[in-house]
Amino acid sequence: MASTKYTICVVGGTGAEGGGLALRWARHGHDVVIGSRDGEKARTAARELNGLLGTEAIRGVESRDGVQFAEIVVLAVPFSGQMSTVESLKDALQGKILIDVTVPLVPPKVSRVQLPESDSCVVAVQSLLGDQVRVVSAFQNVSAHKLKHLDTHIECDVLVASDDKDARQIGIQLAADAGLRGIDAGALANSVVAESLTSALIWINRTYKVPDAGIRITGLPI
């Protein structure tokens, strides 16, 4: 797949996973902004990421400004803030691709699968936003703490699900641009697999005293 350059807003990019993905995409050459409800917090995060890059490639802005700027929006907020964040940005998201990284973790029992009534929290986002937003599920099972170590190879595949084939392929490309292998996981309803896996991986990390258990899909010619 040819590597197309995109304008990307990472809403929640002040956190570990969102910031790590933003860092890797900026290094690859995408035009990346960090979005936050607090614009100053976003600018601080952008300065820290630029320090790791050694260049002023990432900007920090308020979330709405970033969403309006971007072709692709990445949602990397905690489950507790997922729906309220999407609701507040609903109009600005129309006509765009939204890549949702959300995992339905409900403290304190984060190592126990606790799916919402819709089964998939990302399917619920698609239902809220309507057909004019192409929602993609991806990156739920990637270890956040390694993303900011740019020379570290992360042993984890990314399951990419969406009801839109072209949007799935863009998600797979962005996984590759972040140094990961994206796997076409089919319809958005299949997001429930990645969402559930995260709690199981947290359990595995604790049981085996490892920091970053991941998944690999075997038998593929790629």
N, C-alpha and C. Protein backbone atom coordinates (compact mmCIF):
# COMPACT_ATOMS: atom_id res chain seq x y z
N MET A 1 0.84 -1.20 0.00
CA MET A 1 0.00 0.00 0.00
C MET A 1 0.88 1.25 0.00
N ALA A 2 0.59 2.18 -0.88
CA ALA A 2 1.34 3.43 -0.91
C ALA A 2 1.07 4.19 0.37
N SER A 3 2.10 4.89 0.85
CA SER A 3 1.97 5.60 2.11
C SER A 3 1.48 7.02 1.85
N THR A 4 0.18 7.25 2.03
CA THR A 4 -0.41 8.56 1.88
C THR A 4 -0.21 9.35 3.16
N LYS A 5 0.05 10.64 3.05
CA LYS A 5 0.21 11.49 4.21
C LYS A 5 -1.14 12.14 4.55
N TYR A 6 -1.49 12.13 5.83
CA TYR A 6 -2.77 12.64 6.29
C TYR A 6 -2.59 13.74 7.32
N THR A 7 -3.64 14.56 7.46
CA THR A 7 -3.74 15.46 8.60
C THR A 7 -4.52 14.72 9.67
N ILE A 8 -3.92 14.59 10.85
CA ILE A 8 -4.48 13.76 11.92
C ILE A 8 -4.60 14.57 13.19
N CYS A 9 -5.77 14.51 13.83
CA CYS A 9 -5.94 15.08 15.16
C CYS A 9 -6.14 13.93 16.15
N VAL A 10 -5.29 13.87 17.15
CA VAL A 10 -5.42 12.86 18.20
C VAL A 10 -6.10 13.51 19.40
N VAL A 11 -7.38 13.23 19.56
CA VAL A 11 -8.14 13.75 20.70
C VAL A 11 -7.83 12.84 21.88
N GLY A 12 -7.26 13.43 22.92
CA GLY A 12 -6.74 12.62 24.01
C GLY A 12 -5.26 12.34 23.83
N GLY A 13 -4.63 13.11 23.00
CA GLY A 13 -3.21 12.93 22.73
C GLY A 13 -2.31 13.34 23.87
N THR A 14 -2.88 13.88 24.94
CA THR A 14 -2.09 14.20 26.12
C THR A 14 -1.83 12.95 26.96
N GLY A 15 -2.54 11.85 26.67
CA GLY A 15 -2.33 10.60 27.38
C GLY A 15 -1.22 9.78 26.75
N ALA A 16 -0.90 8.63 27.39
CA ALA A 16 0.24 7.82 26.96
C ALA A 16 0.04 7.22 25.58
N GLU A 17 -1.12 6.59 25.34
CA GLU A 17 -1.31 5.93 24.05
C GLU A 17 -1.52 6.93 22.93
N GLY A 18 -2.38 7.91 23.14
CA GLY A 18 -2.60 8.91 22.11
C GLY A 18 -1.34 9.67 21.77
N GLY A 19 -0.58 10.04 22.80
CA GLY A 19 0.67 10.76 22.56
C GLY A 19 1.69 9.92 21.83
N GLY A 20 1.77 8.63 22.19
CA GLY A 20 2.71 7.74 21.53
C GLY A 20 2.40 7.53 20.06
N LEU A 21 1.12 7.37 19.75
CA LEU A 21 0.71 7.23 18.35
C LEU A 21 0.99 8.52 17.58
N ALA A 22 0.66 9.66 18.18
CA ALA A 22 0.92 10.95 17.54
C ALA A 22 2.40 11.10 17.22
N LEU A 23 3.25 10.72 18.16
CA LEU A 23 4.70 10.82 17.98
C LEU A 23 5.17 9.99 16.79
N ARG A 24 4.70 8.75 16.72
CA ARG A 24 5.13 7.86 15.64
C ARG A 24 4.60 8.32 14.29
N TRP A 25 3.38 8.83 14.25
CA TRP A 25 2.83 9.30 12.98
C TRP A 25 3.54 10.57 12.51
N ALA A 26 3.86 11.45 13.45
CA ALA A 26 4.59 12.67 13.07
C ALA A 26 5.96 12.31 12.52
N ARG A 27 6.63 11.37 13.14
CA ARG A 27 7.94 10.95 12.63
C ARG A 27 7.83 10.40 11.22
N HIS A 28 6.70 9.74 10.93
CA HIS A 28 6.51 9.18 9.60
C HIS A 28 6.19 10.24 8.54
N GLY A 29 5.83 11.44 8.99
CA GLY A 29 5.57 12.52 8.05
C GLY A 29 4.15 13.01 7.97
N HIS A 30 3.26 12.44 8.78
CA HIS A 30 1.89 12.95 8.82
C HIS A 30 1.84 14.29 9.53
N ASP A 31 0.84 15.10 9.20
CA ASP A 31 0.63 16.40 9.84
C ASP A 31 -0.26 16.15 11.07
N VAL A 32 0.31 16.25 12.25
CA VAL A 32 -0.36 15.78 13.47
C VAL A 32 -0.59 16.93 14.44
N VAL A 33 -1.79 16.97 15.00
CA VAL A 33 -2.08 17.88 16.10
C VAL A 33 -2.62 17.08 17.28
N ILE A 34 -2.31 17.56 18.48
CA ILE A 34 -2.84 17.02 19.73
C ILE A 34 -4.06 17.84 20.11
N GLY A 35 -5.17 17.16 20.38
CA GLY A 35 -6.39 17.85 20.78
C GLY A 35 -6.73 17.56 22.23
N SER A 36 -7.17 18.60 22.95
CA SER A 36 -7.59 18.44 24.34
C SER A 36 -8.64 19.50 24.64
N ARG A 37 -9.49 19.23 25.62
CA ARG A 37 -10.43 20.26 26.05
C ARG A 37 -9.69 21.48 26.57
N ASP A 38 -8.49 21.24 27.11
CA ASP A 38 -7.63 22.31 27.64
C ASP A 38 -6.52 22.57 26.62
N GLY A 39 -6.63 23.68 25.91
CA GLY A 39 -5.67 23.98 24.85
C GLY A 39 -4.24 24.08 25.36
N GLU A 40 -4.05 24.65 26.56
CA GLU A 40 -2.70 24.80 27.11
C GLU A 40 -2.11 23.43 27.44
N LYS A 41 -2.94 22.53 27.95
CA LYS A 41 -2.48 21.17 28.22
C LYS A 41 -2.04 20.49 26.93
N ALA A 42 -2.79 20.72 25.85
CA ALA A 42 -2.42 20.15 24.55
C ALA A 42 -1.10 20.73 24.06
N ARG A 43 -0.90 22.02 24.23
CA ARG A 43 0.35 22.64 23.78
C ARG A 43 1.54 22.13 24.59
N THR A 44 1.33 21.91 25.88
CA THR A 44 2.41 21.36 26.72
C THR A 44 2.79 19.96 26.25
N ALA A 45 1.77 19.14 25.97
CA ALA A 45 2.02 17.77 25.49
C ALA A 45 2.75 17.80 24.15
N ALA A 46 2.36 18.72 23.28
CA ALA A 46 3.01 18.82 21.97
C ALA A 46 4.47 19.21 22.12
N ARG A 47 4.78 20.12 23.03
CA ARG A 47 6.17 20.50 23.26
C ARG A 47 7.00 19.32 23.74
N GLU A 48 6.43 18.50 24.62
CA GLU A 48 7.15 17.32 25.12
C GLU A 48 7.41 16.32 24.01
N LEU A 49 6.42 16.10 23.15
CA LEU A 49 6.58 15.16 22.04
C LEU A 49 7.60 15.70 21.03
N ASN A 50 7.55 16.99 20.77
CA ASN A 50 8.52 17.58 19.84
C ASN A 50 9.94 17.47 20.38
N GLY A 51 10.08 17.51 21.71
CA GLY A 51 11.38 17.31 22.31
C GLY A 51 11.94 15.93 22.02
N LEU A 52 11.05 14.92 21.98
CA LEU A 52 11.47 13.57 21.65
C LEU A 52 11.80 13.44 20.17
N LEU A 53 11.06 14.18 19.34
CA LEU A 53 11.29 14.13 17.89
C LEU A 53 12.52 14.94 17.47
N GLY A 54 12.80 15.99 18.22
CA GLY A 54 13.88 16.89 17.83
C GLY A 54 13.48 17.85 16.74
N THR A 55 12.18 18.06 16.59
CA THR A 55 11.67 19.00 15.58
C THR A 55 10.29 19.48 16.01
N GLU A 56 9.87 20.62 15.47
CA GLU A 56 8.56 21.18 15.83
C GLU A 56 7.49 20.67 14.88
N ALA A 57 7.21 19.38 14.94
CA ALA A 57 6.31 18.76 13.97
C ALA A 57 4.88 18.65 14.47
N ILE A 58 4.66 18.71 15.77
CA ILE A 58 3.35 18.48 16.37
C ILE A 58 2.87 19.75 17.03
N ARG A 59 1.57 20.05 16.83
CA ARG A 59 0.98 21.22 17.47
C ARG A 59 -0.09 20.78 18.46
N GLY A 60 -0.32 21.60 19.47
CA GLY A 60 -1.37 21.35 20.44
C GLY A 60 -2.47 22.39 20.31
N VAL A 61 -3.74 21.92 20.28
CA VAL A 61 -4.87 22.82 20.10
C VAL A 61 -6.06 22.31 20.92
N GLU A 62 -7.09 23.12 21.04
CA GLU A 62 -8.33 22.63 21.62
C GLU A 62 -8.94 21.60 20.67
N SER A 63 -9.63 20.63 21.23
CA SER A 63 -10.09 19.48 20.44
C SER A 63 -10.93 19.88 19.24
N ARG A 64 -11.86 20.80 19.42
CA ARG A 64 -12.73 21.17 18.29
C ARG A 64 -11.93 21.77 17.14
N ASP A 65 -10.97 22.61 17.44
CA ASP A 65 -10.13 23.20 16.39
C ASP A 65 -9.35 22.11 15.67
N GLY A 66 -8.84 21.13 16.43
CA GLY A 66 -8.08 20.05 15.82
C GLY A 66 -8.94 19.17 14.94
N VAL A 67 -10.14 18.86 15.38
CA VAL A 67 -11.04 18.02 14.59
C VAL A 67 -11.41 18.71 13.29
N GLN A 68 -11.69 20.00 13.34
CA GLN A 68 -12.04 20.73 12.12
C GLN A 68 -10.87 20.78 11.15
N PHE A 69 -9.65 20.78 11.66
CA PHE A 69 -8.45 20.82 10.83
C PHE A 69 -8.17 19.50 10.13
N ALA A 70 -8.53 18.38 10.75
CA ALA A 70 -8.02 17.07 10.35
C ALA A 70 -8.90 16.35 9.34
N GLU A 71 -8.24 15.48 8.57
CA GLU A 71 -8.95 14.50 7.74
C GLU A 71 -9.34 13.28 8.57
N ILE A 72 -8.43 12.90 9.48
CA ILE A 72 -8.63 11.72 10.31
C ILE A 72 -8.54 12.15 11.77
N VAL A 73 -9.51 11.71 12.57
CA VAL A 73 -9.53 11.99 13.99
C VAL A 73 -9.34 10.68 14.74
N VAL A 74 -8.44 10.70 15.72
CA VAL A 74 -8.19 9.52 16.54
C VAL A 74 -8.67 9.83 17.96
N LEU A 75 -9.56 8.98 18.47
CA LEU A 75 -10.12 9.18 19.80
C LEU A 75 -9.38 8.27 20.78
N ALA A 76 -8.62 8.86 21.70
CA ALA A 76 -7.81 8.10 22.65
C ALA A 76 -8.05 8.60 24.06
N VAL A 77 -9.32 8.57 24.46
CA VAL A 77 -9.71 9.02 25.79
C VAL A 77 -10.16 7.83 26.62
N PRO A 78 -10.21 7.96 27.94
CA PRO A 78 -10.73 6.86 28.77
C PRO A 78 -12.19 6.55 28.43
N PHE A 79 -12.59 5.32 28.69
CA PHE A 79 -13.96 4.88 28.41
C PHE A 79 -14.98 5.79 29.08
N SER A 80 -14.68 6.26 30.27
CA SER A 80 -15.63 7.10 31.00
C SER A 80 -15.93 8.41 30.28
N GLY A 81 -15.01 8.85 29.42
CA GLY A 81 -15.21 10.11 28.70
C GLY A 81 -15.50 9.93 27.23
N GLN A 82 -15.60 8.68 26.77
CA GLN A 82 -15.75 8.42 25.34
C GLN A 82 -16.99 9.08 24.74
N MET A 83 -18.16 8.72 25.24
CA MET A 83 -19.40 9.18 24.61
C MET A 83 -19.60 10.67 24.78
N SER A 84 -19.24 11.24 25.92
CA SER A 84 -19.42 12.68 26.11
C SER A 84 -18.50 13.46 25.17
N THR A 85 -17.30 12.94 24.94
CA THR A 85 -16.37 13.60 24.02
C THR A 85 -16.91 13.56 22.59
N VAL A 86 -17.37 12.40 22.18
CA VAL A 86 -17.92 12.25 20.83
C VAL A 86 -19.15 13.13 20.65
N GLU A 87 -20.01 13.16 21.65
CA GLU A 87 -21.22 13.98 21.58
C GLU A 87 -20.86 15.45 21.39
N SER A 88 -19.84 15.92 22.09
CA SER A 88 -19.46 17.33 22.01
C SER A 88 -18.84 17.69 20.66
N LEU A 89 -18.32 16.70 19.95
CA LEU A 89 -17.64 16.94 18.67
C LEU A 89 -18.43 16.42 17.48
N LYS A 90 -19.65 15.99 17.71
CA LYS A 90 -20.43 15.29 16.69
C LYS A 90 -20.53 16.07 15.38
N ASP A 91 -20.84 17.34 15.45
CA ASP A 91 -21.02 18.12 14.23
C ASP A 91 -19.69 18.29 13.49
N ALA A 92 -18.60 18.49 14.22
CA ALA A 92 -17.29 18.69 13.59
C ALA A 92 -16.75 17.41 12.96
N LEU A 93 -17.22 16.27 13.43
CA LEU A 93 -16.73 14.98 12.93
C LEU A 93 -17.40 14.55 11.62
N GLN A 94 -18.46 15.19 11.23
CA GLN A 94 -19.18 14.77 10.04
C GLN A 94 -18.29 14.83 8.80
N GLY A 95 -18.32 13.76 8.01
CA GLY A 95 -17.53 13.68 6.78
C GLY A 95 -16.11 13.21 6.98
N LYS A 96 -15.74 12.86 8.21
CA LYS A 96 -14.36 12.46 8.51
C LYS A 96 -14.28 10.97 8.86
N ILE A 97 -13.06 10.49 8.99
CA ILE A 97 -12.80 9.16 9.52
C ILE A 97 -12.44 9.32 10.99
N LEU A 98 -13.10 8.54 11.84
CA LEU A 98 -12.79 8.53 13.27
C LEU A 98 -12.23 7.17 13.65
N ILE A 99 -10.99 7.14 14.11
CA ILE A 99 -10.38 5.91 14.59
C ILE A 99 -10.49 5.91 16.11
N ASP A 100 -11.27 4.96 16.63
CA ASP A 100 -11.55 4.91 18.06
C ASP A 100 -10.68 3.85 18.72
N VAL A 101 -9.90 4.27 19.71
CA VAL A 101 -8.96 3.40 20.41
C VAL A 101 -9.55 2.94 21.75
N THR A 102 -10.78 3.33 22.04
CA THR A 102 -11.36 3.15 23.37
C THR A 102 -11.49 1.68 23.76
N VAL A 103 -11.16 1.41 25.02
CA VAL A 103 -11.38 0.10 25.64
C VAL A 103 -12.35 0.28 26.80
N PRO A 104 -13.39 -0.54 26.89
CA PRO A 104 -14.36 -0.38 27.98
C PRO A 104 -13.84 -0.95 29.30
N LEU A 105 -12.86 -0.25 29.89
CA LEU A 105 -12.33 -0.65 31.19
C LEU A 105 -13.11 0.08 32.28
N VAL A 106 -13.57 -0.67 33.28
CA VAL A 106 -14.35 -0.09 34.37
C VAL A 106 -13.63 -0.37 35.68
N PRO A 107 -12.87 0.62 36.20
CA PRO A 107 -12.15 0.41 37.46
C PRO A 107 -13.13 0.07 38.59
N PRO A 108 -12.69 -0.69 39.59
CA PRO A 108 -11.32 -1.17 39.77
C PRO A 108 -11.04 -2.51 39.08
N LYS A 109 -12.05 -3.16 38.52
CA LYS A 109 -11.87 -4.50 37.97
C LYS A 109 -11.52 -4.45 36.49
N VAL A 110 -10.37 -3.83 36.17
CA VAL A 110 -10.00 -3.64 34.77
C VAL A 110 -9.50 -4.92 34.11
N SER A 111 -9.20 -5.95 34.89
CA SER A 111 -8.78 -7.23 34.30
C SER A 111 -9.95 -8.16 34.07
N ARG A 112 -11.16 -7.64 34.18
CA ARG A 112 -12.39 -8.40 33.93
C ARG A 112 -13.16 -7.72 32.81
N VAL A 113 -13.55 -8.49 31.80
CA VAL A 113 -14.28 -7.92 30.66
C VAL A 113 -15.62 -7.38 31.14
N GLN A 114 -15.87 -6.10 30.82
CA GLN A 114 -17.13 -5.45 31.21
C GLN A 114 -17.64 -4.62 30.03
N LEU A 115 -18.19 -5.31 29.05
CA LEU A 115 -18.67 -4.64 27.84
C LEU A 115 -19.96 -3.88 28.13
N PRO A 116 -20.20 -2.77 27.41
CA PRO A 116 -21.46 -2.05 27.57
C PRO A 116 -22.62 -2.85 26.97
N GLU A 117 -23.83 -2.37 27.14
CA GLU A 117 -25.01 -3.08 26.68
C GLU A 117 -25.00 -3.31 25.17
N SER A 118 -24.34 -2.41 24.44
CA SER A 118 -24.27 -2.54 22.98
C SER A 118 -23.27 -3.61 22.54
N ASP A 119 -22.56 -4.24 23.50
CA ASP A 119 -21.49 -5.22 23.27
C ASP A 119 -20.18 -4.54 22.86
N SER A 120 -20.23 -3.57 21.96
CA SER A 120 -19.02 -2.86 21.53
C SER A 120 -19.19 -1.37 21.77
N CYS A 121 -18.25 -0.78 22.50
CA CYS A 121 -18.36 0.66 22.75
C CYS A 121 -18.09 1.47 21.49
N VAL A 122 -17.36 0.89 20.51
CA VAL A 122 -17.09 1.61 19.27
C VAL A 122 -18.31 1.55 18.35
N VAL A 123 -19.04 0.45 18.36
CA VAL A 123 -20.29 0.38 17.61
C VAL A 123 -21.27 1.44 18.12
N ALA A 124 -21.27 1.64 19.43
CA ALA A 124 -22.15 2.66 20.01
C ALA A 124 -21.80 4.05 19.49
N VAL A 125 -20.51 4.31 19.27
CA VAL A 125 -20.08 5.59 18.71
C VAL A 125 -20.57 5.75 17.27
N GLN A 126 -20.47 4.69 16.48
CA GLN A 126 -20.97 4.76 15.10
C GLN A 126 -22.46 5.04 15.08
N SER A 127 -23.20 4.42 15.98
CA SER A 127 -24.65 4.65 16.05
C SER A 127 -24.95 6.09 16.40
N LEU A 128 -24.17 6.67 17.28
CA LEU A 128 -24.38 8.06 17.68
C LEU A 128 -24.06 9.03 16.55
N LEU A 129 -22.98 8.78 15.82
CA LEU A 129 -22.50 9.73 14.81
C LEU A 129 -23.22 9.63 13.48
N GLY A 130 -23.75 8.45 13.14
CA GLY A 130 -24.45 8.29 11.87
C GLY A 130 -23.53 7.94 10.72
N ASP A 131 -24.12 7.77 9.54
CA ASP A 131 -23.42 7.23 8.39
C ASP A 131 -22.40 8.18 7.77
N GLN A 132 -22.45 9.46 8.11
CA GLN A 132 -21.53 10.42 7.49
C GLN A 132 -20.15 10.42 8.15
N VAL A 133 -19.99 9.65 9.19
CA VAL A 133 -18.68 9.47 9.84
C VAL A 133 -18.29 8.01 9.69
N ARG A 134 -17.11 7.77 9.14
CA ARG A 134 -16.63 6.39 8.98
C ARG A 134 -15.80 6.03 10.21
N VAL A 135 -16.38 5.20 11.08
CA VAL A 135 -15.74 4.86 12.34
C VAL A 135 -14.91 3.59 12.18
N VAL A 136 -13.70 3.64 12.70
CA VAL A 136 -12.76 2.52 12.66
C VAL A 136 -12.36 2.18 14.09
N SER A 137 -12.29 0.90 14.40
CA SER A 137 -11.78 0.44 15.69
C SER A 137 -10.37 -0.09 15.51
N ALA A 138 -9.41 0.39 16.32
CA ALA A 138 -8.02 -0.06 16.19
C ALA A 138 -7.19 0.36 17.40
N PHE A 139 -6.05 -0.29 17.59
CA PHE A 139 -5.00 0.06 18.55
C PHE A 139 -5.35 -0.20 20.02
N GLN A 140 -6.44 -0.93 20.29
CA GLN A 140 -6.80 -1.16 21.70
C GLN A 140 -5.78 -2.00 22.45
N ASN A 141 -5.10 -2.90 21.77
CA ASN A 141 -4.25 -3.88 22.46
C ASN A 141 -2.77 -3.56 22.43
N VAL A 142 -2.43 -2.34 22.01
CA VAL A 142 -1.03 -1.95 21.92
C VAL A 142 -0.55 -1.40 23.26
N SER A 143 0.62 -1.85 23.70
CA SER A 143 1.19 -1.38 24.96
C SER A 143 1.58 0.09 24.84
N ALA A 144 0.91 0.93 25.62
CA ALA A 144 1.10 2.38 25.49
C ALA A 144 2.51 2.82 25.86
N HIS A 145 3.11 2.19 26.87
CA HIS A 145 4.37 2.73 27.38
C HIS A 145 5.53 2.57 26.42
N LYS A 146 5.40 1.68 25.42
CA LYS A 146 6.50 1.50 24.46
C LYS A 146 6.38 2.41 23.24
N LEU A 147 5.22 3.00 23.03
CA LEU A 147 5.01 3.78 21.81
C LEU A 147 5.96 4.97 21.72
N LYS A 148 6.28 5.57 22.85
CA LYS A 148 7.14 6.76 22.83
C LYS A 148 8.62 6.42 22.70
N HIS A 149 8.95 5.13 22.75
CA HIS A 149 10.33 4.70 22.50
C HIS A 149 10.43 4.38 21.01
N LEU A 150 10.84 5.36 20.23
CA LEU A 150 10.71 5.27 18.78
C LEU A 150 11.53 4.17 18.15
N ASP A 151 12.59 3.76 18.79
CA ASP A 151 13.43 2.70 18.23
C ASP A 151 13.02 1.31 18.71
N THR A 152 11.94 1.22 19.49
CA THR A 152 11.49 -0.06 20.03
C THR A 152 10.50 -0.72 19.08
N HIS A 153 10.76 -1.97 18.72
CA HIS A 153 9.82 -2.75 17.93
C HIS A 153 8.79 -3.37 18.87
N ILE A 154 7.52 -3.11 18.62
CA ILE A 154 6.45 -3.58 19.50
C ILE A 154 5.87 -4.88 18.94
N GLU A 155 5.95 -5.94 19.73
CA GLU A 155 5.47 -7.26 19.31
C GLU A 155 3.97 -7.36 19.54
N CYS A 156 3.21 -6.72 18.67
CA CYS A 156 1.75 -6.76 18.80
C CYS A 156 1.10 -6.41 17.47
N ASP A 157 0.14 -7.23 17.05
CA ASP A 157 -0.65 -6.90 15.88
C ASP A 157 -1.82 -6.00 16.28
N VAL A 158 -2.32 -5.26 15.30
CA VAL A 158 -3.45 -4.35 15.52
C VAL A 158 -4.65 -4.85 14.73
N LEU A 159 -5.72 -5.19 15.43
CA LEU A 159 -6.96 -5.59 14.77
C LEU A 159 -7.72 -4.34 14.35
N VAL A 160 -7.99 -4.22 13.04
CA VAL A 160 -8.64 -3.03 12.49
C VAL A 160 -10.01 -3.43 11.95
N ALA A 161 -11.05 -2.84 12.53
CA ALA A 161 -12.42 -3.18 12.15
C ALA A 161 -13.19 -1.92 11.75
N SER A 162 -14.00 -2.04 10.71
CA SER A 162 -14.86 -0.94 10.28
C SER A 162 -15.87 -1.48 9.28
N ASP A 163 -17.01 -0.82 9.18
CA ASP A 163 -17.99 -1.20 8.17
C ASP A 163 -17.64 -0.62 6.80
N ASP A 164 -16.62 0.23 6.75
CA ASP A 164 -16.18 0.84 5.50
C ASP A 164 -14.82 0.26 5.12
N LYS A 165 -14.76 -0.42 3.97
CA LYS A 165 -13.53 -1.11 3.55
C LYS A 165 -12.36 -0.14 3.39
N ASP A 166 -12.61 1.01 2.75
CA ASP A 166 -11.53 1.96 2.52
C ASP A 166 -10.99 2.51 3.84
N ALA A 167 -11.88 2.77 4.78
CA ALA A 167 -11.45 3.28 6.09
C ALA A 167 -10.63 2.22 6.83
N ARG A 168 -11.01 0.95 6.68
CA ARG A 168 -10.20 -0.12 7.29
C ARG A 168 -8.80 -0.12 6.73
N GLN A 169 -8.66 0.07 5.43
CA GLN A 169 -7.34 0.07 4.81
C GLN A 169 -6.50 1.25 5.28
N ILE A 170 -7.13 2.39 5.52
CA ILE A 170 -6.41 3.53 6.06
C ILE A 170 -5.93 3.22 7.48
N GLY A 171 -6.78 2.58 8.27
CA GLY A 171 -6.36 2.17 9.60
C GLY A 171 -5.17 1.23 9.58
N ILE A 172 -5.16 0.30 8.61
CA ILE A 172 -4.05 -0.63 8.46
C ILE A 172 -2.78 0.12 8.06
N GLN A 173 -2.92 1.11 7.16
CA GLN A 173 -1.75 1.91 6.77
C GLN A 173 -1.20 2.67 7.97
N LEU A 174 -2.07 3.26 8.79
CA LEU A 174 -1.61 4.03 9.94
C LEU A 174 -0.94 3.14 10.98
N ALA A 175 -1.39 1.89 11.08
CA ALA A 175 -0.70 0.94 11.95
C ALA A 175 0.73 0.73 11.44
N ALA A 176 0.87 0.51 10.14
CA ALA A 176 2.21 0.32 9.56
C ALA A 176 3.07 1.55 9.75
N ASP A 177 2.48 2.73 9.60
CA ASP A 177 3.24 3.98 9.76
C ASP A 177 3.71 4.18 11.20
N ALA A 178 3.03 3.50 12.14
CA ALA A 178 3.45 3.56 13.54
C ALA A 178 4.38 2.40 13.91
N GLY A 179 4.77 1.60 12.91
CA GLY A 179 5.68 0.50 13.16
C GLY A 179 5.01 -0.76 13.64
N LEU A 180 3.71 -0.90 13.35
CA LEU A 180 2.93 -2.05 13.79
C LEU A 180 2.33 -2.76 12.58
N ARG A 181 1.84 -3.99 12.77
CA ARG A 181 1.18 -4.69 11.69
C ARG A 181 -0.33 -4.64 11.91
N GLY A 182 -1.03 -4.00 10.98
CA GLY A 182 -2.49 -3.94 11.04
C GLY A 182 -3.10 -5.14 10.34
N ILE A 183 -4.14 -5.70 10.95
CA ILE A 183 -4.83 -6.87 10.42
C ILE A 183 -6.28 -6.50 10.15
N ASP A 184 -6.76 -6.77 8.94
CA ASP A 184 -8.15 -6.51 8.59
C ASP A 184 -9.03 -7.48 9.37
N ALA A 185 -9.80 -6.94 10.33
CA ALA A 185 -10.64 -7.76 11.20
C ALA A 185 -12.11 -7.68 10.83
N GLY A 186 -12.42 -7.05 9.67
CA GLY A 186 -13.79 -7.08 9.18
C GLY A 186 -14.68 -5.99 9.74
N ALA A 187 -15.95 -6.32 9.90
CA ALA A 187 -16.99 -5.35 10.25
C ALA A 187 -16.75 -4.74 11.63
N LEU A 188 -17.31 -3.56 11.83
CA LEU A 188 -17.11 -2.84 13.09
C LEU A 188 -17.60 -3.66 14.28
N ALA A 189 -18.61 -4.49 14.09
CA ALA A 189 -19.11 -5.33 15.19
C ALA A 189 -18.01 -6.21 15.76
N ASN A 190 -17.01 -6.53 14.95
CA ASN A 190 -15.91 -7.38 15.42
C ASN A 190 -14.97 -6.64 16.37
N SER A 191 -15.19 -5.34 16.54
CA SER A 191 -14.41 -4.59 17.52
C SER A 191 -14.51 -5.18 18.91
N VAL A 192 -15.60 -5.87 19.18
CA VAL A 192 -15.81 -6.46 20.51
C VAL A 192 -14.68 -7.40 20.89
N VAL A 193 -14.02 -7.99 19.88
CA VAL A 193 -12.92 -8.92 20.16
C VAL A 193 -11.74 -8.17 20.76
N ALA A 194 -11.31 -7.08 20.11
CA ALA A 194 -10.18 -6.30 20.62
C ALA A 194 -10.52 -5.63 21.95
N GLU A 195 -11.75 -5.15 22.08
CA GLU A 195 -12.17 -4.50 23.32
C GLU A 195 -12.11 -5.48 24.49
N SER A 196 -12.52 -6.72 24.26
CA SER A 196 -12.51 -7.73 25.32
C SER A 196 -11.09 -8.20 25.63
N LEU A 197 -10.26 -8.29 24.60
CA LEU A 197 -8.90 -8.81 24.78
C LEU A 197 -8.08 -7.97 25.76
N THR A 198 -8.32 -6.68 25.80
CA THR A 198 -7.49 -5.81 26.63
C THR A 198 -7.55 -6.23 28.09
N SER A 199 -8.74 -6.51 28.61
CA SER A 199 -8.84 -6.93 30.00
C SER A 199 -8.11 -8.25 30.23
N ALA A 200 -8.21 -9.17 29.26
CA ALA A 200 -7.50 -10.44 29.38
C ALA A 200 -5.98 -10.21 29.39
N LEU A 201 -5.51 -9.28 28.56
CA LEU A 201 -4.07 -8.99 28.52
C LEU A 201 -3.59 -8.35 29.82
N ILE A 202 -4.42 -7.51 30.42
CA ILE A 202 -4.07 -6.93 31.72
C ILE A 202 -3.92 -8.05 32.76
N TRP A 203 -4.83 -9.01 32.74
CA TRP A 203 -4.74 -10.16 33.64
C TRP A 203 -3.44 -10.94 33.40
N ILE A 204 -3.13 -11.16 32.14
CA ILE A 204 -1.92 -11.91 31.79
C ILE A 204 -0.68 -11.16 32.27
N ASN A 205 -0.65 -9.85 32.07
CA ASN A 205 0.49 -9.05 32.54
C ASN A 205 0.70 -9.23 34.04
N ARG A 206 -0.39 -9.18 34.79
CA ARG A 206 -0.29 -9.29 36.24
C ARG A 206 0.12 -10.71 36.66
N THR A 207 -0.45 -11.70 36.02
CA THR A 207 -0.20 -13.09 36.40
C THR A 207 1.24 -13.50 36.11
N TYR A 208 1.74 -13.09 34.95
CA TYR A 208 3.08 -13.50 34.53
C TYR A 208 4.14 -12.43 34.80
N LYS A 209 3.69 -11.33 35.43
CA LYS A 209 4.62 -10.25 35.81
C LYS A 209 5.42 -9.74 34.62
N VAL A 210 4.68 -9.42 33.54
CA VAL A 210 5.26 -8.82 32.35
C VAL A 210 4.54 -7.50 32.10
N PRO A 211 5.18 -6.54 31.42
CA PRO A 211 4.57 -5.22 31.25
C PRO A 211 3.69 -5.07 30.02
N ASP A 212 3.83 -5.95 29.04
CA ASP A 212 3.22 -5.61 27.75
C ASP A 212 2.87 -6.85 26.91
N ALA A 213 2.10 -7.77 27.47
CA ALA A 213 1.62 -8.89 26.66
C ALA A 213 0.81 -8.34 25.49
N GLY A 214 0.97 -8.97 24.31
CA GLY A 214 0.26 -8.53 23.12
C GLY A 214 -0.29 -9.72 22.36
N ILE A 215 -0.81 -9.47 21.18
CA ILE A 215 -1.35 -10.56 20.36
C ILE A 215 -0.64 -10.60 19.01
N ARG A 216 -0.54 -11.82 18.46
CA ARG A 216 -0.03 -12.02 17.12
C ARG A 216 -1.00 -12.93 16.37
N ILE A 217 -1.30 -12.58 15.14
CA ILE A 217 -2.14 -13.43 14.28
C ILE A 217 -1.19 -14.26 13.43
N THR A 218 -1.27 -15.57 13.56
CA THR A 218 -0.36 -16.45 12.84
C THR A 218 -0.97 -16.95 11.53
N GLY A 219 -0.11 -17.49 10.70
CA GLY A 219 -0.57 -18.12 9.46
C GLY A 219 -0.82 -17.20 8.29
N LEU A 220 -0.47 -15.91 8.45
CA LEU A 220 -0.71 -14.94 7.39
C LEU A 220 0.53 -14.79 6.52
N PRO A 221 0.35 -14.54 5.23
CA PRO A 221 1.52 -14.40 4.32
C PRO A 221 2.08 -12.99 4.33
N ILE A 222 1.97 -12.27 5.43
CA ILE A 222 2.46 -10.89 5.52
C ILE A 222 3.26 -10.71 6.79
